[in-house]
Protein backbone atom coordinates (compact mmCIF):
# COMPACT_ATOMS: atom_id res chain seq x y z
CA MET A 1 14.04 -8.46 -3.70
CA GLN A 2 14.03 -11.60 -5.74
CA ARG A 3 11.14 -13.89 -6.55
CA GLY A 4 10.09 -15.74 -3.44
CA LYS A 5 12.59 -13.99 -1.17
CA ARG A 6 11.21 -13.29 2.27
CA LEU A 7 11.32 -9.67 3.39
CA GLY A 8 11.06 -10.37 7.10
CA ARG A 9 10.36 -13.04 9.64
CA ARG A 10 6.66 -13.43 8.69
CA SER A 11 6.81 -11.97 5.22
CA HIS A 12 5.28 -13.52 2.15
CA LEU A 13 5.66 -12.28 -1.40
CA ALA A 14 2.64 -12.82 -3.57
CA GLY A 15 2.16 -11.95 -7.16
CA ILE A 16 5.72 -12.01 -8.46
CA GLY A 17 5.17 -15.05 -10.58
CA SER A 18 3.08 -16.76 -7.91
CA ALA A 19 -0.35 -16.54 -6.39
CA ILE A 20 -1.09 -16.30 -2.71
CA SER A 21 -0.59 -19.70 -1.17
CA PRO A 22 -3.96 -21.45 -0.65
CA ASP A 23 -3.03 -22.29 2.94
CA ARG A 24 -2.15 -18.68 3.72
CA HIS A 25 -4.63 -17.02 6.09
CA CYS A 26 -4.43 -13.46 4.80
CA GLY A 27 -7.34 -11.86 6.63
CA LYS A 28 -6.87 -13.41 10.05
CA GLY A 29 -4.96 -11.22 12.45
CA MET A 30 -4.62 -8.24 10.11
CA LYS A 31 -5.23 -5.13 12.19
CA ARG A 32 -2.83 -2.56 10.73
CA VAL A 33 -2.56 -2.63 6.96
CA ILE A 34 -0.65 -0.36 4.59
CA VAL A 35 -1.51 -0.17 0.87
CA VAL A 36 1.26 1.39 -1.24
CA GLY A 37 2.18 1.65 -4.90
CA PRO A 38 2.40 4.11 -7.77
CA GLY A 39 -0.20 6.73 -8.52
CA ALA A 40 -3.43 5.48 -10.13
CA ALA A 41 -2.69 1.86 -9.18
CA GLY A 42 -5.94 1.65 -7.20
CA LYS A 43 -4.67 1.98 -3.63
CA SER A 44 -7.74 3.82 -2.34
CA THR A 45 -10.14 1.45 -4.09
CA LEU A 46 -8.37 -1.60 -2.65
CA ALA A 47 -8.19 -0.05 0.83
CA ALA A 48 -11.92 0.71 0.76
CA ARG A 49 -12.71 -2.87 -0.29
CA LEU A 50 -10.45 -4.32 2.41
CA GLY A 51 -12.17 -2.04 4.93
CA GLU A 52 -15.57 -3.38 3.85
CA ILE A 53 -14.38 -6.97 4.21
CA THR A 54 -12.48 -6.67 7.48
CA GLY A 55 -14.38 -3.87 9.21
CA LEU A 56 -11.11 -2.01 9.77
CA PRO A 57 -11.24 1.80 9.50
CA VAL A 58 -9.69 3.18 6.30
CA ILE A 59 -7.42 6.22 6.36
CA GLU A 60 -6.76 7.83 2.98
CA LEU A 61 -3.45 9.61 3.49
CA ASP A 62 -3.77 11.83 0.40
CA LYS A 63 -6.75 13.57 1.98
CA LEU A 64 -4.78 14.31 5.14
CA PHE A 65 -1.47 15.23 3.53
CA TRP A 66 -2.37 17.59 0.69
CA ARG A 67 -3.46 21.07 1.67
CA PRO A 68 -5.46 23.49 -0.47
CA GLY A 69 -3.69 24.20 -3.75
CA LEU A 70 -1.92 20.83 -3.43
CA ALA A 71 0.57 22.23 -0.94
CA ALA A 72 2.43 19.53 0.97
CA THR A 73 2.20 19.22 4.75
CA PRO A 74 5.60 20.06 6.29
CA ARG A 75 7.66 16.95 7.08
CA GLU A 76 7.76 17.38 10.87
CA GLU A 77 4.01 17.97 11.04
CA TRP A 78 3.37 14.97 8.77
CA SER A 79 5.53 12.78 11.01
CA GLY A 80 3.44 13.78 14.03
CA ILE A 81 0.18 13.12 12.19
CA GLN A 82 1.39 9.67 11.16
CA ARG A 83 2.55 8.83 14.70
CA ARG A 84 -0.93 9.62 16.03
CA LEU A 85 -2.60 7.60 13.25
CA ALA A 86 -0.24 4.63 13.63
CA ALA A 87 -0.84 4.53 17.41
CA ARG A 88 -4.46 3.52 16.86
CA ASP A 89 -5.38 -0.11 17.49
CA SER A 90 -6.44 -0.90 13.94
CA TRP A 91 -6.47 0.73 10.51
CA ILE A 92 -5.92 0.44 6.81
CA MET A 93 -3.78 3.31 5.52
CA ASP A 94 -3.52 3.85 1.81
CA GLY A 95 -1.16 6.19 0.11
CA ASP A 96 2.28 6.56 -1.34
CA LEU A 97 3.42 10.15 -1.22
CA GLY A 98 6.75 9.49 -2.91
CA PRO A 99 9.46 11.97 -1.98
CA TYR A 100 7.15 13.75 0.48
CA ASP A 101 6.43 10.67 2.56
CA VAL A 102 7.66 9.61 6.00
CA LEU A 103 7.01 5.93 5.46
CA ASP A 104 9.03 4.38 8.29
CA ILE A 105 6.50 5.41 10.96
CA ARG A 106 3.62 3.43 9.49
CA LEU A 107 5.86 0.58 8.30
CA ARG A 108 7.01 -0.09 11.88
CA ALA A 109 3.39 -0.19 13.08
CA ALA A 110 1.98 -2.33 10.24
CA ASP A 111 1.31 -6.04 10.44
CA ALA A 112 0.51 -6.29 6.69
CA ILE A 113 1.74 -4.36 3.67
CA VAL A 114 0.08 -4.60 0.27
CA PHE A 115 2.28 -3.27 -2.54
CA LEU A 116 0.48 -2.68 -5.83
CA ASP A 117 3.45 -3.10 -8.16
CA PHE A 118 1.66 -2.23 -11.39
CA SER A 119 3.40 -1.26 -14.63
CA PRO A 120 3.86 2.44 -15.41
CA LEU A 121 1.79 2.01 -18.58
CA ARG A 122 -1.20 0.60 -16.68
CA CYS A 123 -1.03 3.39 -14.09
CA ALA A 124 -0.60 6.10 -16.74
CA TRP A 125 -3.69 4.81 -18.57
CA ARG A 126 -5.68 4.83 -15.33
CA ALA A 127 -4.45 8.33 -14.46
CA ILE A 128 -5.46 9.69 -17.88
CA ARG A 129 -8.94 8.21 -17.45
CA ARG A 130 -9.54 9.48 -13.91
CA SER A 131 -8.54 13.16 -13.90
CA PRO A 132 -5.97 15.72 -15.03
CA GLU A 133 -2.75 15.59 -13.04
CA ARG A 134 0.08 18.02 -12.39
CA ALA A 135 3.45 17.66 -14.11
CA ASP A 136 5.18 16.53 -10.91
CA PHE A 137 2.69 13.63 -10.62
CA TRP A 138 3.63 12.44 -14.12
CA VAL A 139 7.35 12.65 -13.38
CA TRP A 140 6.86 10.66 -10.17
CA LEU A 141 4.65 8.09 -11.89
CA LEU A 142 6.87 7.55 -14.92
CA LEU A 143 10.01 7.27 -12.81
CA TYR A 144 8.37 5.24 -10.01
CA ARG A 145 9.93 1.89 -10.89
CA ARG A 146 13.40 3.39 -11.20
CA ARG A 147 13.33 5.77 -8.22
CA SER A 148 10.51 5.20 -5.73
CA ARG A 149 10.11 1.44 -5.94
CA PRO A 150 13.69 0.59 -4.86
CA LEU A 151 13.41 3.06 -1.96
CA LEU A 152 10.07 1.57 -0.93
CA ARG A 153 11.42 -1.98 -1.02
CA ARG A 154 14.45 -1.00 1.07
CA ALA A 155 12.20 0.80 3.57
CA ILE A 156 9.96 -2.26 3.88
CA ALA A 157 12.98 -4.50 4.46
CA ALA A 158 14.44 -2.09 7.03
CA HIS A 159 11.34 -1.10 8.99
CA ALA A 160 8.71 -3.81 8.55
CA GLY A 161 10.53 -7.04 9.31
CA ASP A 162 7.58 -8.55 11.17
CA ALA A 163 4.89 -7.54 8.66
CA ASP A 164 3.37 -9.80 6.04
CA VAL A 165 4.17 -8.30 2.63
CA TYR A 166 2.04 -8.92 -0.46
CA VAL A 167 3.36 -7.69 -3.81
CA LEU A 168 0.54 -7.64 -6.37
CA PRO A 169 1.72 -6.91 -9.94
CA ALA A 170 -1.62 -6.78 -11.77
CA PRO A 171 -5.39 -6.45 -11.24
CA ARG A 172 -5.80 -10.24 -11.43
CA ALA A 173 -3.49 -10.66 -8.43
CA VAL A 174 -5.48 -8.00 -6.57
CA ARG A 175 -8.75 -9.85 -7.27
CA ARG A 176 -7.23 -13.11 -5.98
CA PHE A 177 -5.91 -11.34 -2.90
CA VAL A 178 -9.30 -9.76 -2.13
CA ALA A 179 -11.05 -13.10 -2.64
CA LYS A 180 -8.59 -14.79 -0.28
CA ILE A 181 -9.08 -12.08 2.37
CA ALA A 182 -12.86 -12.40 2.02
CA SER A 183 -12.69 -16.19 2.42
CA ASP A 184 -10.47 -15.88 5.52
CA VAL A 185 -12.64 -13.31 7.30
CA PRO A 186 -15.84 -14.71 8.80
CA ASN A 187 -19.05 -12.89 7.81
CA SER A 188 -17.26 -10.71 5.23
CA LEU A 189 -19.26 -8.82 2.63
């Protein structure tokens, strides 16, 4: 993915050296939104704010996926859960479960994808401040740009050709994106 390259028919990259185009109507027509990115990037916080603005229901995938003791849901069961969730009329799903994820199901159903493409240093600082994490979280986080990010970008290109894609590299880009959504949605909070 290069700067400005379109990922699909209606795709739009924002944040890689450019802001969201002022004539872009981000909030209008968004009914199925995915928020992805590395751990501690702020996916759940952004999803909650987008839910407040748009009125769309928010689904926090971490809460559904991780079982007691942080045991992963088996892949086949997780696929079924995601199929049922993605079949709903509208939603905002946040989460990036890395190697455990079955991303293609929700990518095919999404009409908008927001990728928080924050630096590993920023995410590590946020993770240290929020709570203790397991060793496998740190490995995933620190290797995210090298391992998970290329896989995520390929999956978006392969399975979400009709979705609008917004790549936000820093908190400032997120604030601009949220402001643009709020200005495009009538009667937003």
